[in-house]
Amino acid sequence: MPASEFSHFVDMCEKVRQTASKNAKVAAIAEYLIKLKDDADGGSDTSLAAAVLFMSGAIFPKGSGLTLNVGFNTIMRSLSEIARLEPEEIQKIYLKHGDMGTLAEYVVSKRQQSPLVAQQLLLPDLHDQLRKIADAAGSGAAEAKRKILTGLLINSSPLEARYLIKIAAGELRVGVVEGLVELAIAKAFGRDVPSIRQAMLLSGDI
């Protein structure tokens, strides 16, 4: 299975979340980044770019002007459609769990709607779809965002749904900050940390 599958990103996040050691977190991220680089086809590093942005708690580079702007109601409507439950019922489940990611994991595990053709969610495809959500504008923007998000959730496993919503909500919360991702990049690709931080300072884009 290609390392660019979103499921591998999710597995890495779970591994990182479950360790308190800073060095272990950096090592786990670095190992994953190496696999992504080795898996890159034709020199394309789109998966790497998406992965380090997501790990840093972002979706788009700083200064891009892009924001996902997916509200609580849009997420709840998508989950309601997948589970075929009334929004009020989803709201009650949310109050029980108190976390959007955990709610998404629960709802997708109980979903009544499945994709016509099951397919693995890849990091570049996920990032492209999130870009489409960010680009949606005009009177039909909210509905367009909901449809894209629903499509992503339908193609997700319960654990993937948890992390998809955490990314969309800007609440990854696996104990990683941008500085740790910089250390992992240095470790993965044999660069010294000061040069990585200098590159970040110049580009503003991890």
N, C-alpha and C. Protein backbone atom coordinates (compact mmCIF):
# COMPACT_ATOMS: atom_id res chain seq x y z
N MET A 1 0.84 -1.19 0.00
CA MET A 1 0.00 0.00 0.00
C MET A 1 0.88 1.24 0.00
N PRO A 2 0.56 2.23 -0.84
CA PRO A 2 1.40 3.44 -0.88
C PRO A 2 1.33 4.22 0.42
N ALA A 3 2.48 4.80 0.80
CA ALA A 3 2.56 5.57 2.04
C ALA A 3 1.69 6.82 1.97
N SER A 4 1.30 7.22 0.75
CA SER A 4 0.49 8.43 0.58
C SER A 4 -0.97 8.24 0.97
N GLU A 5 -1.37 7.01 1.31
CA GLU A 5 -2.74 6.79 1.75
C GLU A 5 -2.96 7.51 3.08
N PHE A 6 -4.09 8.14 3.20
CA PHE A 6 -4.42 8.90 4.40
C PHE A 6 -4.39 7.99 5.63
N SER A 7 -4.71 6.73 5.45
CA SER A 7 -4.71 5.78 6.57
C SER A 7 -3.34 5.68 7.22
N HIS A 8 -2.27 5.80 6.42
CA HIS A 8 -0.92 5.75 6.99
C HIS A 8 -0.62 7.01 7.81
N PHE A 9 -1.10 8.14 7.32
CA PHE A 9 -0.96 9.39 8.08
C PHE A 9 -1.67 9.25 9.43
N VAL A 10 -2.86 8.68 9.40
CA VAL A 10 -3.65 8.50 10.62
C VAL A 10 -2.93 7.56 11.58
N ASP A 11 -2.36 6.47 11.06
CA ASP A 11 -1.62 5.54 11.91
C ASP A 11 -0.44 6.24 12.58
N MET A 12 0.26 7.07 11.82
CA MET A 12 1.39 7.81 12.38
C MET A 12 0.91 8.77 13.47
N CYS A 13 -0.20 9.45 13.24
CA CYS A 13 -0.74 10.38 14.24
C CYS A 13 -1.09 9.64 15.52
N GLU A 14 -1.67 8.47 15.41
CA GLU A 14 -2.02 7.68 16.58
C GLU A 14 -0.76 7.28 17.35
N LYS A 15 0.28 6.91 16.62
CA LYS A 15 1.55 6.54 17.25
C LYS A 15 2.15 7.73 18.00
N VAL A 16 2.11 8.88 17.36
CA VAL A 16 2.65 10.11 17.97
C VAL A 16 1.82 10.52 19.18
N ARG A 17 0.51 10.41 19.05
CA ARG A 17 -0.39 10.81 20.15
C ARG A 17 -0.16 9.98 21.39
N GLN A 18 0.20 8.72 21.20
CA GLN A 18 0.30 7.79 22.33
C GLN A 18 1.66 7.81 23.02
N THR A 19 2.57 8.67 22.56
CA THR A 19 3.86 8.78 23.23
C THR A 19 4.06 10.19 23.77
N ALA A 20 4.65 10.26 24.96
CA ALA A 20 4.92 11.56 25.57
C ALA A 20 6.32 12.05 25.26
N SER A 21 7.15 11.16 24.72
CA SER A 21 8.55 11.50 24.46
C SER A 21 8.69 12.36 23.20
N LYS A 22 9.31 13.51 23.36
CA LYS A 22 9.56 14.40 22.22
C LYS A 22 10.40 13.71 21.16
N ASN A 23 11.46 13.02 21.59
CA ASN A 23 12.35 12.34 20.64
C ASN A 23 11.62 11.24 19.88
N ALA A 24 10.74 10.52 20.59
CA ALA A 24 9.98 9.44 19.95
C ALA A 24 9.00 10.01 18.93
N LYS A 25 8.40 11.15 19.27
CA LYS A 25 7.49 11.79 18.32
C LYS A 25 8.24 12.20 17.05
N VAL A 26 9.39 12.83 17.23
CA VAL A 26 10.20 13.26 16.09
C VAL A 26 10.62 12.06 15.24
N ALA A 27 11.03 10.98 15.89
CA ALA A 27 11.46 9.78 15.18
C ALA A 27 10.31 9.17 14.37
N ALA A 28 9.12 9.13 14.96
CA ALA A 28 7.96 8.55 14.27
C ALA A 28 7.58 9.38 13.05
N ILE A 29 7.59 10.71 13.20
CA ILE A 29 7.26 11.58 12.07
C ILE A 29 8.32 11.45 10.98
N ALA A 30 9.60 11.43 11.38
CA ALA A 30 10.70 11.32 10.41
C ALA A 30 10.61 10.02 9.62
N GLU A 31 10.33 8.94 10.31
CA GLU A 31 10.20 7.63 9.64
C GLU A 31 9.08 7.66 8.60
N TYR A 32 8.00 8.30 8.96
CA TYR A 32 6.87 8.41 8.04
C TYR A 32 7.22 9.29 6.84
N LEU A 33 7.90 10.40 7.07
CA LEU A 33 8.28 11.30 5.97
C LEU A 33 9.23 10.61 4.99
N ILE A 34 10.12 9.79 5.51
CA ILE A 34 11.03 9.04 4.63
C ILE A 34 10.24 8.10 3.73
N LYS A 35 9.25 7.43 4.30
CA LYS A 35 8.41 6.52 3.51
C LYS A 35 7.65 7.28 2.42
N LEU A 36 7.17 8.47 2.77
CA LEU A 36 6.46 9.29 1.78
C LEU A 36 7.40 9.68 0.64
N LYS A 37 8.62 10.07 0.98
CA LYS A 37 9.60 10.47 -0.02
C LYS A 37 9.94 9.29 -0.93
N ASP A 38 10.17 8.13 -0.33
CA ASP A 38 10.51 6.93 -1.11
C ASP A 38 9.36 6.52 -2.01
N ASP A 39 8.14 6.84 -1.57
CA ASP A 39 6.94 6.44 -2.31
C ASP A 39 6.58 7.43 -3.42
N ALA A 40 7.23 8.61 -3.39
CA ALA A 40 6.89 9.66 -4.36
C ALA A 40 7.11 9.16 -5.78
N ASP A 41 6.13 9.43 -6.63
CA ASP A 41 6.18 8.96 -8.03
C ASP A 41 6.61 10.10 -8.93
N GLY A 42 7.69 9.88 -9.67
CA GLY A 42 8.12 10.89 -10.63
C GLY A 42 8.60 12.17 -9.97
N GLY A 43 9.05 12.05 -8.71
CA GLY A 43 9.59 13.23 -8.03
C GLY A 43 8.53 14.13 -7.42
N SER A 44 7.27 13.69 -7.44
CA SER A 44 6.19 14.51 -6.88
C SER A 44 6.20 14.41 -5.36
N ASP A 45 6.26 15.56 -4.70
CA ASP A 45 6.29 15.59 -3.25
C ASP A 45 5.01 16.18 -2.68
N THR A 46 3.91 16.06 -3.42
CA THR A 46 2.64 16.62 -2.98
C THR A 46 2.20 16.00 -1.66
N SER A 47 2.42 14.71 -1.50
CA SER A 47 2.04 14.04 -0.26
C SER A 47 2.85 14.56 0.92
N LEU A 48 4.13 14.77 0.70
CA LEU A 48 4.99 15.32 1.74
C LEU A 48 4.51 16.70 2.18
N ALA A 49 4.20 17.54 1.21
CA ALA A 49 3.75 18.90 1.51
C ALA A 49 2.47 18.87 2.34
N ALA A 50 1.52 18.03 1.92
CA ALA A 50 0.25 17.93 2.65
C ALA A 50 0.48 17.40 4.06
N ALA A 51 1.32 16.38 4.19
CA ALA A 51 1.55 15.75 5.49
C ALA A 51 2.15 16.72 6.49
N VAL A 52 3.17 17.48 6.09
CA VAL A 52 3.82 18.37 7.05
C VAL A 52 2.91 19.56 7.40
N LEU A 53 2.09 19.99 6.47
CA LEU A 53 1.12 21.03 6.79
C LEU A 53 0.13 20.53 7.82
N PHE A 54 -0.45 19.35 7.57
CA PHE A 54 -1.43 18.78 8.50
C PHE A 54 -0.81 18.57 9.88
N MET A 55 0.42 18.04 9.92
CA MET A 55 1.07 17.79 11.20
C MET A 55 1.35 19.08 11.95
N SER A 56 1.51 20.17 11.23
CA SER A 56 1.79 21.47 11.86
C SER A 56 0.52 22.19 12.29
N GLY A 57 -0.63 21.52 12.12
CA GLY A 57 -1.90 22.12 12.51
C GLY A 57 -2.46 23.08 11.48
N ALA A 58 -1.99 22.94 10.24
CA ALA A 58 -2.47 23.82 9.16
C ALA A 58 -2.98 22.97 8.01
N ILE A 59 -3.63 23.63 7.07
CA ILE A 59 -4.06 22.98 5.83
C ILE A 59 -3.37 23.65 4.65
N PHE A 60 -3.26 24.96 4.74
CA PHE A 60 -2.64 25.75 3.68
C PHE A 60 -1.46 26.53 4.25
N PRO A 61 -0.48 26.86 3.41
CA PRO A 61 0.69 27.61 3.89
C PRO A 61 0.29 28.98 4.43
N LYS A 62 1.07 29.44 5.40
CA LYS A 62 0.86 30.80 5.92
C LYS A 62 1.03 31.80 4.79
N GLY A 63 0.19 32.79 4.75
CA GLY A 63 0.29 33.81 3.72
C GLY A 63 -0.41 33.45 2.43
N SER A 64 -0.99 32.23 2.36
CA SER A 64 -1.69 31.84 1.13
C SER A 64 -3.03 32.55 0.99
N GLY A 65 -3.54 33.03 2.11
CA GLY A 65 -4.85 33.68 2.09
C GLY A 65 -6.01 32.71 2.08
N LEU A 66 -5.71 31.41 2.10
CA LEU A 66 -6.75 30.39 2.04
C LEU A 66 -7.18 29.98 3.45
N THR A 67 -8.47 29.88 3.65
CA THR A 67 -9.02 29.34 4.89
C THR A 67 -10.14 28.38 4.54
N LEU A 68 -10.25 27.31 5.30
CA LEU A 68 -11.27 26.30 5.01
C LEU A 68 -12.67 26.86 5.27
N ASN A 69 -12.82 27.55 6.38
CA ASN A 69 -14.09 28.19 6.72
C ASN A 69 -15.26 27.21 6.67
N VAL A 70 -15.05 26.07 7.33
CA VAL A 70 -16.13 25.09 7.49
C VAL A 70 -16.66 25.21 8.91
N GLY A 71 -17.89 25.60 9.02
CA GLY A 71 -18.47 25.84 10.34
C GLY A 71 -18.99 24.58 11.00
N PHE A 72 -19.32 24.73 12.27
CA PHE A 72 -19.87 23.65 13.08
C PHE A 72 -21.11 23.06 12.44
N ASN A 73 -22.00 23.92 11.94
CA ASN A 73 -23.27 23.45 11.36
C ASN A 73 -23.03 22.62 10.10
N THR A 74 -22.03 23.01 9.29
CA THR A 74 -21.73 22.25 8.06
C THR A 74 -21.25 20.85 8.41
N ILE A 75 -20.38 20.75 9.40
CA ILE A 75 -19.88 19.44 9.84
C ILE A 75 -21.03 18.60 10.38
N MET A 76 -21.87 19.20 11.19
CA MET A 76 -22.99 18.46 11.78
C MET A 76 -23.97 17.98 10.72
N ARG A 77 -24.21 18.79 9.71
CA ARG A 77 -25.12 18.38 8.63
C ARG A 77 -24.54 17.22 7.83
N SER A 78 -23.24 17.24 7.59
CA SER A 78 -22.59 16.14 6.87
C SER A 78 -22.70 14.84 7.66
N LEU A 79 -22.41 14.92 8.95
CA LEU A 79 -22.49 13.73 9.80
C LEU A 79 -23.93 13.22 9.90
N SER A 80 -24.88 14.15 9.96
CA SER A 80 -26.29 13.78 10.02
C SER A 80 -26.71 13.02 8.77
N GLU A 81 -26.25 13.49 7.60
CA GLU A 81 -26.59 12.84 6.35
C GLU A 81 -26.01 11.43 6.27
N ILE A 82 -24.76 11.28 6.69
CA ILE A 82 -24.09 9.98 6.62
C ILE A 82 -24.78 8.95 7.52
N ALA A 83 -25.12 9.38 8.73
CA ALA A 83 -25.73 8.46 9.70
C ALA A 83 -27.24 8.35 9.54
N ARG A 84 -27.79 9.26 8.69
CA ARG A 84 -29.25 9.34 8.53
C ARG A 84 -29.95 9.54 9.86
N LEU A 85 -29.41 10.49 10.60
CA LEU A 85 -29.98 10.90 11.87
C LEU A 85 -30.34 12.38 11.79
N GLU A 86 -31.31 12.79 12.56
CA GLU A 86 -31.67 14.19 12.61
C GLU A 86 -30.55 14.99 13.27
N PRO A 87 -30.35 16.23 12.84
CA PRO A 87 -29.29 17.06 13.45
C PRO A 87 -29.38 17.12 14.97
N GLU A 88 -30.60 17.10 15.50
CA GLU A 88 -30.77 17.17 16.96
C GLU A 88 -30.17 15.92 17.62
N GLU A 89 -30.31 14.76 16.96
CA GLU A 89 -29.75 13.53 17.51
C GLU A 89 -28.23 13.57 17.48
N ILE A 90 -27.67 14.10 16.36
CA ILE A 90 -26.22 14.24 16.25
C ILE A 90 -25.71 15.19 17.33
N GLN A 91 -26.47 16.25 17.59
CA GLN A 91 -26.10 17.22 18.62
C GLN A 91 -26.01 16.55 19.99
N LYS A 92 -26.96 15.68 20.29
CA LYS A 92 -26.95 14.96 21.57
C LYS A 92 -25.72 14.07 21.69
N ILE A 93 -25.37 13.40 20.58
CA ILE A 93 -24.19 12.53 20.58
C ILE A 93 -22.93 13.36 20.78
N TYR A 94 -22.90 14.55 20.14
CA TYR A 94 -21.75 15.44 20.29
C TYR A 94 -21.58 15.87 21.75
N LEU A 95 -22.68 16.23 22.39
CA LEU A 95 -22.62 16.66 23.78
C LEU A 95 -22.12 15.53 24.68
N LYS A 96 -22.41 14.30 24.29
CA LYS A 96 -21.95 13.13 25.05
C LYS A 96 -20.44 12.96 24.91
N HIS A 97 -19.92 13.14 23.68
CA HIS A 97 -18.49 12.90 23.43
C HIS A 97 -17.65 14.16 23.65
N GLY A 98 -18.21 15.33 23.36
CA GLY A 98 -17.52 16.58 23.61
C GLY A 98 -16.35 16.87 22.70
N ASP A 99 -16.25 16.17 21.59
CA ASP A 99 -15.12 16.36 20.67
C ASP A 99 -15.59 16.05 19.26
N MET A 100 -15.33 16.96 18.31
CA MET A 100 -15.82 16.76 16.95
C MET A 100 -15.20 15.55 16.28
N GLY A 101 -13.90 15.32 16.52
CA GLY A 101 -13.24 14.17 15.93
C GLY A 101 -13.80 12.86 16.43
N THR A 102 -14.01 12.77 17.73
CA THR A 102 -14.58 11.56 18.32
C THR A 102 -16.00 11.35 17.84
N LEU A 103 -16.74 12.44 17.70
CA LEU A 103 -18.10 12.35 17.17
C LEU A 103 -18.08 11.79 15.75
N ALA A 104 -17.19 12.31 14.90
CA ALA A 104 -17.10 11.84 13.51
C ALA A 104 -16.74 10.35 13.46
N GLU A 105 -15.81 9.93 14.31
CA GLU A 105 -15.43 8.52 14.36
C GLU A 105 -16.64 7.65 14.72
N TYR A 106 -17.39 8.08 15.71
CA TYR A 106 -18.57 7.33 16.14
C TYR A 106 -19.62 7.27 15.05
N VAL A 107 -19.93 8.42 14.46
CA VAL A 107 -20.98 8.49 13.45
C VAL A 107 -20.63 7.65 12.22
N VAL A 108 -19.38 7.75 11.76
CA VAL A 108 -18.98 6.98 10.57
C VAL A 108 -18.99 5.48 10.87
N SER A 109 -18.72 5.11 12.11
CA SER A 109 -18.78 3.68 12.47
C SER A 109 -20.22 3.15 12.42
N LYS A 110 -21.18 4.09 12.51
CA LYS A 110 -22.61 3.71 12.48
C LYS A 110 -23.28 4.12 11.18
N ARG A 111 -22.49 4.53 10.19
CA ARG A 111 -23.07 5.14 8.99
C ARG A 111 -24.02 4.21 8.25
N GLN A 112 -25.02 4.85 7.64
CA GLN A 112 -26.00 4.14 6.83
C GLN A 112 -25.74 4.35 5.34
N GLN A 113 -24.83 5.26 5.03
CA GLN A 113 -24.54 5.58 3.64
C GLN A 113 -23.11 5.17 3.32
N SER A 114 -22.92 4.44 2.22
CA SER A 114 -21.61 3.97 1.82
C SER A 114 -21.30 4.44 0.41
N PRO A 115 -20.01 4.54 0.05
CA PRO A 115 -19.67 4.98 -1.30
C PRO A 115 -20.06 3.95 -2.33
N LEU A 116 -20.42 4.42 -3.54
CA LEU A 116 -20.77 3.48 -4.62
C LEU A 116 -19.55 2.65 -4.99
N VAL A 117 -18.39 3.28 -5.01
CA VAL A 117 -17.13 2.59 -5.29
C VAL A 117 -16.14 2.96 -4.19
N ALA A 118 -15.78 1.99 -3.36
CA ALA A 118 -14.85 2.26 -2.27
C ALA A 118 -13.46 2.54 -2.82
N GLN A 119 -12.82 3.56 -2.30
CA GLN A 119 -11.47 3.87 -2.73
C GLN A 119 -10.68 4.47 -1.58
N GLN A 120 -9.38 4.16 -1.57
CA GLN A 120 -8.52 4.68 -0.52
C GLN A 120 -8.32 6.17 -0.70
N LEU A 121 -8.41 6.89 0.39
CA LEU A 121 -8.20 8.33 0.38
C LEU A 121 -6.70 8.62 0.42
N LEU A 122 -6.21 9.35 -0.59
CA LEU A 122 -4.79 9.69 -0.67
C LEU A 122 -4.58 11.13 -0.21
N LEU A 123 -3.42 11.40 0.38
CA LEU A 123 -3.13 12.74 0.88
C LEU A 123 -3.28 13.83 -0.17
N PRO A 124 -2.73 13.66 -1.40
CA PRO A 124 -2.90 14.72 -2.40
C PRO A 124 -4.36 14.97 -2.75
N ASP A 125 -5.14 13.88 -2.86
CA ASP A 125 -6.56 14.02 -3.19
C ASP A 125 -7.31 14.72 -2.05
N LEU A 126 -6.98 14.36 -0.81
CA LEU A 126 -7.61 15.00 0.34
C LEU A 126 -7.30 16.50 0.34
N HIS A 127 -6.04 16.83 0.10
CA HIS A 127 -5.66 18.24 0.10
C HIS A 127 -6.36 18.99 -1.03
N ASP A 128 -6.49 18.36 -2.20
CA ASP A 128 -7.20 18.98 -3.33
C ASP A 128 -8.66 19.26 -2.98
N GLN A 129 -9.30 18.30 -2.31
CA GLN A 129 -10.70 18.48 -1.94
C GLN A 129 -10.86 19.57 -0.88
N LEU A 130 -9.91 19.65 0.03
CA LEU A 130 -9.96 20.72 1.03
C LEU A 130 -9.74 22.08 0.36
N ARG A 131 -8.91 22.10 -0.68
CA ARG A 131 -8.72 23.35 -1.43
C ARG A 131 -10.03 23.75 -2.12
N LYS A 132 -10.77 22.79 -2.64
CA LYS A 132 -12.06 23.08 -3.27
C LYS A 132 -13.04 23.65 -2.25
N ILE A 133 -12.99 23.13 -1.03
CA ILE A 133 -13.85 23.66 0.03
C ILE A 133 -13.48 25.12 0.30
N ALA A 134 -12.18 25.39 0.39
CA ALA A 134 -11.71 26.75 0.65
C ALA A 134 -12.08 27.70 -0.48
N ASP A 135 -12.09 27.19 -1.71
CA ASP A 135 -12.38 28.02 -2.88
C ASP A 135 -13.86 28.28 -3.09
N ALA A 136 -14.71 27.48 -2.43
CA ALA A 136 -16.16 27.63 -2.62
C ALA A 136 -16.61 29.01 -2.17
N ALA A 137 -17.33 29.69 -3.04
CA ALA A 137 -17.77 31.06 -2.73
C ALA A 137 -19.16 31.29 -3.33
N GLY A 138 -19.79 32.35 -2.88
CA GLY A 138 -21.09 32.69 -3.44
C GLY A 138 -22.24 32.13 -2.63
N SER A 139 -23.44 32.27 -3.18
CA SER A 139 -24.65 31.90 -2.45
C SER A 139 -24.74 30.40 -2.17
N GLY A 140 -24.12 29.58 -3.02
CA GLY A 140 -24.20 28.13 -2.82
C GLY A 140 -22.97 27.55 -2.14
N ALA A 141 -22.13 28.39 -1.55
CA ALA A 141 -20.87 27.94 -0.98
C ALA A 141 -21.06 26.93 0.16
N ALA A 142 -21.98 27.22 1.06
CA ALA A 142 -22.18 26.34 2.23
C ALA A 142 -22.59 24.94 1.79
N GLU A 143 -23.48 24.86 0.81
CA GLU A 143 -23.93 23.56 0.32
C GLU A 143 -22.81 22.84 -0.42
N ALA A 144 -22.02 23.56 -1.19
CA ALA A 144 -20.89 22.97 -1.90
C ALA A 144 -19.87 22.40 -0.92
N LYS A 145 -19.59 23.16 0.13
CA LYS A 145 -18.65 22.70 1.16
C LYS A 145 -19.17 21.42 1.82
N ARG A 146 -20.46 21.42 2.13
CA ARG A 146 -21.06 20.25 2.79
C ARG A 146 -20.97 19.01 1.92
N LYS A 147 -21.24 19.15 0.63
CA LYS A 147 -21.20 18.00 -0.28
C LYS A 147 -19.80 17.42 -0.38
N ILE A 148 -18.80 18.29 -0.47
CA ILE A 148 -17.41 17.80 -0.57
C ILE A 148 -17.02 17.09 0.72
N LEU A 149 -17.35 17.71 1.86
CA LEU A 149 -17.01 17.11 3.15
C LEU A 149 -17.72 15.77 3.33
N THR A 150 -18.98 15.71 2.94
CA THR A 150 -19.73 14.46 3.06
C THR A 150 -19.09 13.37 2.21
N GLY A 151 -18.69 13.72 0.99
CA GLY A 151 -18.04 12.75 0.11
C GLY A 151 -16.75 12.21 0.72
N LEU A 152 -15.97 13.08 1.35
CA LEU A 152 -14.73 12.65 2.00
C LEU A 152 -15.03 11.71 3.16
N LEU A 153 -16.03 12.05 3.96
CA LEU A 153 -16.37 11.23 5.12
C LEU A 153 -16.91 9.87 4.71
N ILE A 154 -17.68 9.83 3.63
CA ILE A 154 -18.23 8.56 3.16
C ILE A 154 -17.12 7.60 2.77
N ASN A 155 -16.01 8.15 2.24
CA ASN A 155 -14.89 7.33 1.81
C ASN A 155 -13.87 7.08 2.93
N SER A 156 -14.18 7.51 4.14
CA SER A 156 -13.26 7.38 5.26
C SER A 156 -13.63 6.21 6.16
N SER A 157 -12.62 5.62 6.77
CA SER A 157 -12.86 4.69 7.87
C SER A 157 -13.22 5.52 9.10
N PRO A 158 -13.76 4.91 10.15
CA PRO A 158 -14.08 5.70 11.34
C PRO A 158 -12.88 6.49 11.89
N LEU A 159 -11.70 5.86 11.96
CA LEU A 159 -10.53 6.57 12.49
C LEU A 159 -10.06 7.66 11.53
N GLU A 160 -10.15 7.41 10.23
CA GLU A 160 -9.81 8.45 9.25
C GLU A 160 -10.77 9.63 9.38
N ALA A 161 -12.05 9.34 9.60
CA ALA A 161 -13.04 10.41 9.78
C ALA A 161 -12.70 11.27 10.99
N ARG A 162 -12.24 10.62 12.04
CA ARG A 162 -11.84 11.36 13.25
C ARG A 162 -10.76 12.38 12.93
N TYR A 163 -9.74 11.94 12.19
CA TYR A 163 -8.63 12.84 11.90
C TYR A 163 -8.97 13.84 10.81
N LEU A 164 -9.81 13.45 9.88
CA LEU A 164 -10.25 14.39 8.85
C LEU A 164 -10.95 15.59 9.49
N ILE A 165 -11.85 15.33 10.41
CA ILE A 165 -12.58 16.41 11.07
C ILE A 165 -11.66 17.22 11.99
N LYS A 166 -10.72 16.55 12.64
CA LYS A 166 -9.78 17.27 13.50
C LYS A 166 -8.91 18.22 12.66
N ILE A 167 -8.50 17.77 11.47
CA ILE A 167 -7.73 18.63 10.56
C ILE A 167 -8.59 19.79 10.09
N ALA A 168 -9.82 19.48 9.68
CA ALA A 168 -10.72 20.52 9.16
C ALA A 168 -11.04 21.57 10.23
N ALA A 169 -11.12 21.12 11.48
CA ALA A 169 -11.45 22.02 12.57
C ALA A 169 -10.22 22.70 13.18
N GLY A 170 -9.03 22.35 12.67
CA GLY A 170 -7.80 22.92 13.21
C GLY A 170 -7.48 22.45 14.61
N GLU A 171 -7.87 21.20 14.91
CA GLU A 171 -7.70 20.66 16.26
C GLU A 171 -7.05 19.28 16.22
N LEU A 172 -5.90 19.17 15.55
CA LEU A 172 -5.25 17.86 15.43
C LEU A 172 -4.89 17.30 16.80
N ARG A 173 -4.22 18.09 17.62
CA ARG A 173 -3.96 17.77 19.03
C ARG A 173 -3.37 16.37 19.25
N VAL A 174 -2.21 16.12 18.66
CA VAL A 174 -1.50 14.87 18.93
C VAL A 174 -0.17 15.15 19.63
N GLY A 175 -0.04 16.35 20.18
CA GLY A 175 1.17 16.70 20.90
C GLY A 175 2.31 17.13 20.01
N VAL A 176 1.98 17.71 18.84
CA VAL A 176 3.01 18.14 17.89
C VAL A 176 2.83 19.62 17.59
N VAL A 177 3.93 20.35 17.60
CA VAL A 177 3.94 21.75 17.17
C VAL A 177 4.85 21.85 15.95
N GLU A 178 4.81 22.99 15.27
CA GLU A 178 5.57 23.16 14.04
C GLU A 178 7.06 22.90 14.26
N GLY A 179 7.58 23.29 15.44
CA GLY A 179 9.00 23.07 15.73
C GLY A 179 9.39 21.61 15.71
N LEU A 180 8.50 20.73 16.18
CA LEU A 180 8.79 19.29 16.15
C LEU A 180 8.80 18.77 14.72
N VAL A 181 7.93 19.31 13.89
CA VAL A 181 7.91 18.89 12.48
C VAL A 181 9.21 19.32 11.80
N GLU A 182 9.70 20.50 12.13
CA GLU A 182 10.99 20.95 11.58
C GLU A 182 12.11 19.99 11.98
N LEU A 183 12.11 19.56 13.24
CA LEU A 183 13.12 18.59 13.71
C LEU A 183 13.00 17.27 12.94
N ALA A 184 11.77 16.85 12.69
CA ALA A 184 11.55 15.59 11.97
C ALA A 184 12.02 15.69 10.52
N ILE A 185 11.80 16.85 9.89
CA ILE A 185 12.27 17.06 8.52
C ILE A 185 13.79 16.99 8.48
N ALA A 186 14.44 17.64 9.44
CA ALA A 186 15.90 17.60 9.51
C ALA A 186 16.40 16.17 9.68
N LYS A 187 15.76 15.42 10.57
CA LYS A 187 16.16 14.04 10.84
C LYS A 187 15.92 13.14 9.63
N ALA A 188 14.78 13.33 8.97
CA ALA A 188 14.41 12.48 7.84
C ALA A 188 15.34 12.65 6.65
N PHE A 189 15.78 13.89 6.41
CA PHE A 189 16.50 14.16 5.17
C PHE A 189 17.95 14.61 5.38
N GLY A 190 18.46 14.34 6.60
CA GLY A 190 19.87 14.56 6.85
C GLY A 190 20.31 16.00 6.78
N ARG A 191 19.46 16.91 7.20
CA ARG A 191 19.78 18.34 7.21
C ARG A 191 19.99 18.80 8.64
N ASP A 192 20.79 19.86 8.82
CA ASP A 192 20.94 20.40 10.17
C ASP A 192 19.75 21.30 10.48
N VAL A 193 19.40 21.32 11.74
CA VAL A 193 18.20 22.05 12.17
C VAL A 193 18.26 23.54 11.83
N PRO A 194 19.41 24.23 12.04
CA PRO A 194 19.44 25.66 11.70
C PRO A 194 19.11 25.95 10.23
N SER A 195 19.56 25.06 9.32
CA SER A 195 19.26 25.31 7.90
C SER A 195 17.78 25.11 7.61
N ILE A 196 17.14 24.17 8.30
CA ILE A 196 15.70 23.96 8.15
C ILE A 196 14.95 25.20 8.64
N ARG A 197 15.37 25.73 9.78
CA ARG A 197 14.68 26.89 10.34
C ARG A 197 14.93 28.15 9.51
N GLN A 198 16.12 28.23 8.92
CA GLN A 198 16.40 29.36 8.03
C GLN A 198 15.51 29.29 6.80
N ALA A 199 15.35 28.08 6.25
CA ALA A 199 14.48 27.90 5.08
C ALA A 199 13.04 28.26 5.41
N MET A 200 12.62 27.90 6.63
CA MET A 200 11.26 28.24 7.08
C MET A 200 11.09 29.74 7.20
N LEU A 201 12.13 30.39 7.73
CA LEU A 201 12.09 31.84 7.90
C LEU A 201 11.96 32.54 6.56
N LEU A 202 12.65 32.02 5.56
CA LEU A 202 12.66 32.65 4.24
C LEU A 202 11.38 32.36 3.46
N SER A 203 10.90 31.13 3.56
CA SER A 203 9.75 30.74 2.74
C SER A 203 8.42 30.94 3.44
N GLY A 204 8.42 30.78 4.78
CA GLY A 204 7.17 30.86 5.52
C GLY A 204 6.23 29.69 5.25
N ASP A 205 6.74 28.65 4.61
CA ASP A 205 5.91 27.51 4.18
C ASP A 205 6.63 26.22 4.51
N ILE A 206 6.15 25.52 5.54
CA ILE A 206 6.84 24.29 5.95
C ILE A 206 6.81 23.23 4.86
